[in-house]
Amino acid sequence: MSEKVIEALKKIRPLLQRDGGDVEFVDMVDGIVKVRLKGACAGCPGATMTLKMGIERLLKEQIPEVKGVQSV
């Protein structure tokens, strides 16, 4: 399952990197994907929006087992 998440994150990473940020897969526990926002995303006021409306939405669409995304 982790491999699927990592592959899906590869699709969104270029968008984050273009704005000086990045996302790193940390773990997946009981359907909750744990990620670490890096670079400009780490302290950005819009990080929650990026996490929920971008990363979480993408992962839920592509991997039905994903229940949510959490920043660690």
N, C-alpha and C. Protein backbone atom coordinates (compact mmCIF):
# COMPACT_ATOMS: atom_id res chain seq x y z
N MET A 1 0.82 -1.20 0.00
CA MET A 1 0.00 0.00 0.00
C MET A 1 0.87 1.27 0.00
N SER A 2 1.95 1.24 0.75
CA SER A 2 2.84 2.40 0.81
C SER A 2 3.36 2.77 -0.56
N GLU A 3 3.63 1.77 -1.39
CA GLU A 3 4.15 2.04 -2.73
C GLU A 3 3.13 2.83 -3.55
N LYS A 4 1.85 2.50 -3.40
CA LYS A 4 0.80 3.22 -4.12
C LYS A 4 0.75 4.68 -3.69
N VAL A 5 0.88 4.90 -2.39
CA VAL A 5 0.85 6.27 -1.86
C VAL A 5 2.05 7.06 -2.38
N ILE A 6 3.21 6.46 -2.33
CA ILE A 6 4.43 7.13 -2.80
C ILE A 6 4.30 7.49 -4.28
N GLU A 7 3.77 6.58 -5.08
CA GLU A 7 3.58 6.85 -6.51
C GLU A 7 2.60 7.99 -6.73
N ALA A 8 1.52 8.02 -5.96
CA ALA A 8 0.53 9.09 -6.09
C ALA A 8 1.13 10.43 -5.67
N LEU A 9 1.94 10.43 -4.62
CA LEU A 9 2.57 11.67 -4.16
C LEU A 9 3.54 12.23 -5.21
N LYS A 10 4.13 11.36 -6.00
CA LYS A 10 5.04 11.81 -7.06
C LYS A 10 4.33 12.71 -8.06
N LYS A 11 3.01 12.54 -8.19
CA LYS A 11 2.24 13.35 -9.14
C LYS A 11 2.02 14.77 -8.63
N ILE A 12 1.94 14.94 -7.32
CA ILE A 12 1.67 16.27 -6.76
C ILE A 12 2.95 17.00 -6.36
N ARG A 13 4.04 16.27 -6.15
CA ARG A 13 5.29 16.88 -5.71
C ARG A 13 5.78 17.99 -6.64
N PRO A 14 5.74 17.83 -7.97
CA PRO A 14 6.23 18.92 -8.83
C PRO A 14 5.48 20.24 -8.61
N LEU A 15 4.20 20.17 -8.31
CA LEU A 15 3.43 21.39 -8.05
C LEU A 15 3.91 22.08 -6.79
N LEU A 16 4.19 21.29 -5.76
CA LEU A 16 4.69 21.86 -4.50
C LEU A 16 6.11 22.39 -4.68
N GLN A 17 6.93 21.64 -5.39
CA GLN A 17 8.32 22.04 -5.60
C GLN A 17 8.43 23.32 -6.42
N ARG A 18 7.49 23.53 -7.30
CA ARG A 18 7.48 24.74 -8.12
C ARG A 18 7.34 25.99 -7.24
N ASP A 19 6.66 25.84 -6.10
CA ASP A 19 6.46 26.95 -5.18
C ASP A 19 7.44 26.92 -4.01
N GLY A 20 8.47 26.08 -4.10
CA GLY A 20 9.50 26.05 -3.08
C GLY A 20 9.22 25.09 -1.94
N GLY A 21 8.22 24.23 -2.07
CA GLY A 21 7.89 23.27 -1.02
C GLY A 21 8.09 21.84 -1.47
N ASP A 22 7.66 20.94 -0.63
CA ASP A 22 7.75 19.52 -0.97
C ASP A 22 6.94 18.74 0.06
N VAL A 23 6.71 17.46 -0.24
CA VAL A 23 6.01 16.57 0.68
C VAL A 23 6.78 15.26 0.74
N GLU A 24 6.86 14.70 1.93
CA GLU A 24 7.58 13.45 2.15
C GLU A 24 6.64 12.45 2.83
N PHE A 25 6.55 11.25 2.29
CA PHE A 25 5.76 10.18 2.90
C PHE A 25 6.48 9.71 4.15
N VAL A 26 5.74 9.59 5.27
CA VAL A 26 6.31 9.13 6.52
C VAL A 26 5.81 7.73 6.86
N ASP A 27 4.47 7.54 6.84
CA ASP A 27 3.90 6.25 7.26
C ASP A 27 2.43 6.22 6.87
N MET A 28 1.84 5.04 6.98
CA MET A 28 0.40 4.88 6.80
C MET A 28 -0.09 3.94 7.88
N VAL A 29 -1.03 4.42 8.70
CA VAL A 29 -1.55 3.64 9.81
C VAL A 29 -3.07 3.68 9.76
N ASP A 30 -3.68 2.52 9.64
CA ASP A 30 -5.15 2.41 9.62
C ASP A 30 -5.81 3.34 8.61
N GLY A 31 -5.24 3.44 7.43
CA GLY A 31 -5.81 4.26 6.37
C GLY A 31 -5.46 5.73 6.43
N ILE A 32 -4.74 6.15 7.47
CA ILE A 32 -4.32 7.54 7.60
C ILE A 32 -2.88 7.66 7.10
N VAL A 33 -2.69 8.47 6.07
CA VAL A 33 -1.36 8.69 5.51
C VAL A 33 -0.70 9.83 6.27
N LYS A 34 0.48 9.58 6.76
CA LYS A 34 1.23 10.60 7.48
C LYS A 34 2.33 11.13 6.57
N VAL A 35 2.34 12.45 6.40
CA VAL A 35 3.31 13.09 5.53
C VAL A 35 3.99 14.23 6.28
N ARG A 36 5.13 14.63 5.75
CA ARG A 36 5.85 15.77 6.30
C ARG A 36 5.95 16.82 5.19
N LEU A 37 5.40 18.00 5.45
CA LEU A 37 5.53 19.10 4.51
C LEU A 37 6.88 19.75 4.73
N LYS A 38 7.56 20.07 3.64
CA LYS A 38 8.93 20.58 3.73
C LYS A 38 9.05 21.87 2.94
N GLY A 39 10.16 22.57 3.17
CA GLY A 39 10.43 23.79 2.43
C GLY A 39 9.40 24.86 2.73
N ALA A 40 8.98 25.57 1.70
CA ALA A 40 8.02 26.66 1.87
C ALA A 40 6.68 26.16 2.40
N CYS A 41 6.35 24.92 2.18
CA CYS A 41 5.07 24.36 2.65
C CYS A 41 5.04 24.18 4.17
N ALA A 42 6.21 23.99 4.77
CA ALA A 42 6.28 23.70 6.21
C ALA A 42 5.70 24.83 7.05
N GLY A 43 5.92 26.07 6.69
CA GLY A 43 5.44 27.17 7.51
C GLY A 43 4.37 28.01 6.83
N CYS A 44 3.88 27.54 5.73
CA CYS A 44 2.92 28.30 4.94
C CYS A 44 1.54 28.35 5.61
N PRO A 45 0.90 29.53 5.63
CA PRO A 45 -0.46 29.62 6.19
C PRO A 45 -1.47 28.77 5.42
N GLY A 46 -1.18 28.49 4.15
CA GLY A 46 -2.08 27.68 3.34
C GLY A 46 -1.78 26.20 3.37
N ALA A 47 -0.90 25.77 4.27
CA ALA A 47 -0.48 24.36 4.32
C ALA A 47 -1.64 23.42 4.60
N THR A 48 -2.56 23.82 5.47
CA THR A 48 -3.71 22.97 5.77
C THR A 48 -4.58 22.79 4.54
N MET A 49 -4.75 23.86 3.79
CA MET A 49 -5.53 23.78 2.55
C MET A 49 -4.84 22.85 1.55
N THR A 50 -3.53 23.00 1.42
CA THR A 50 -2.76 22.13 0.52
C THR A 50 -2.88 20.68 0.95
N LEU A 51 -2.80 20.45 2.24
CA LEU A 51 -2.86 19.09 2.77
C LEU A 51 -4.22 18.45 2.51
N LYS A 52 -5.29 19.14 2.84
CA LYS A 52 -6.63 18.56 2.75
C LYS A 52 -7.21 18.62 1.34
N MET A 53 -7.15 19.79 0.71
CA MET A 53 -7.80 19.95 -0.59
C MET A 53 -6.94 19.46 -1.75
N GLY A 54 -5.64 19.34 -1.53
CA GLY A 54 -4.76 18.88 -2.60
C GLY A 54 -4.32 17.45 -2.39
N ILE A 55 -3.47 17.24 -1.41
CA ILE A 55 -2.86 15.93 -1.19
C ILE A 55 -3.90 14.89 -0.79
N GLU A 56 -4.73 15.20 0.21
CA GLU A 56 -5.72 14.22 0.67
C GLU A 56 -6.72 13.87 -0.43
N ARG A 57 -7.19 14.88 -1.14
CA ARG A 57 -8.17 14.62 -2.21
C ARG A 57 -7.58 13.72 -3.28
N LEU A 58 -6.35 14.02 -3.70
CA LEU A 58 -5.69 13.21 -4.72
C LEU A 58 -5.53 11.76 -4.26
N LEU A 59 -5.06 11.58 -3.03
CA LEU A 59 -4.83 10.22 -2.54
C LEU A 59 -6.15 9.44 -2.40
N LYS A 60 -7.19 10.09 -1.91
CA LYS A 60 -8.49 9.41 -1.77
C LYS A 60 -9.06 9.01 -3.13
N GLU A 61 -8.87 9.85 -4.13
CA GLU A 61 -9.36 9.53 -5.48
C GLU A 61 -8.63 8.33 -6.06
N GLN A 62 -7.33 8.25 -5.84
CA GLN A 62 -6.53 7.21 -6.46
C GLN A 62 -6.42 5.93 -5.64
N ILE A 63 -6.58 6.05 -4.32
CA ILE A 63 -6.41 4.89 -3.44
C ILE A 63 -7.59 4.86 -2.47
N PRO A 64 -8.60 4.07 -2.74
CA PRO A 64 -9.81 4.05 -1.91
C PRO A 64 -9.55 3.70 -0.43
N GLU A 65 -8.47 3.02 -0.14
CA GLU A 65 -8.17 2.63 1.24
C GLU A 65 -7.73 3.82 2.11
N VAL A 66 -7.36 4.92 1.48
CA VAL A 66 -6.93 6.10 2.22
C VAL A 66 -8.15 6.79 2.83
N LYS A 67 -8.11 6.96 4.16
CA LYS A 67 -9.20 7.61 4.89
C LYS A 67 -8.91 9.08 5.15
N GLY A 68 -7.64 9.43 5.19
CA GLY A 68 -7.27 10.81 5.46
C GLY A 68 -5.76 10.99 5.39
N VAL A 69 -5.34 12.26 5.51
CA VAL A 69 -3.92 12.60 5.49
C VAL A 69 -3.64 13.48 6.69
N GLN A 70 -2.50 13.24 7.31
CA GLN A 70 -2.12 13.98 8.51
C GLN A 70 -0.68 14.44 8.36
N SER A 71 -0.43 15.67 8.74
CA SER A 71 0.93 16.21 8.72
C SER A 71 1.61 15.89 10.05
N VAL A 72 2.84 15.43 9.98
CA VAL A 72 3.59 15.10 11.21
C VAL A 72 4.88 15.90 11.28
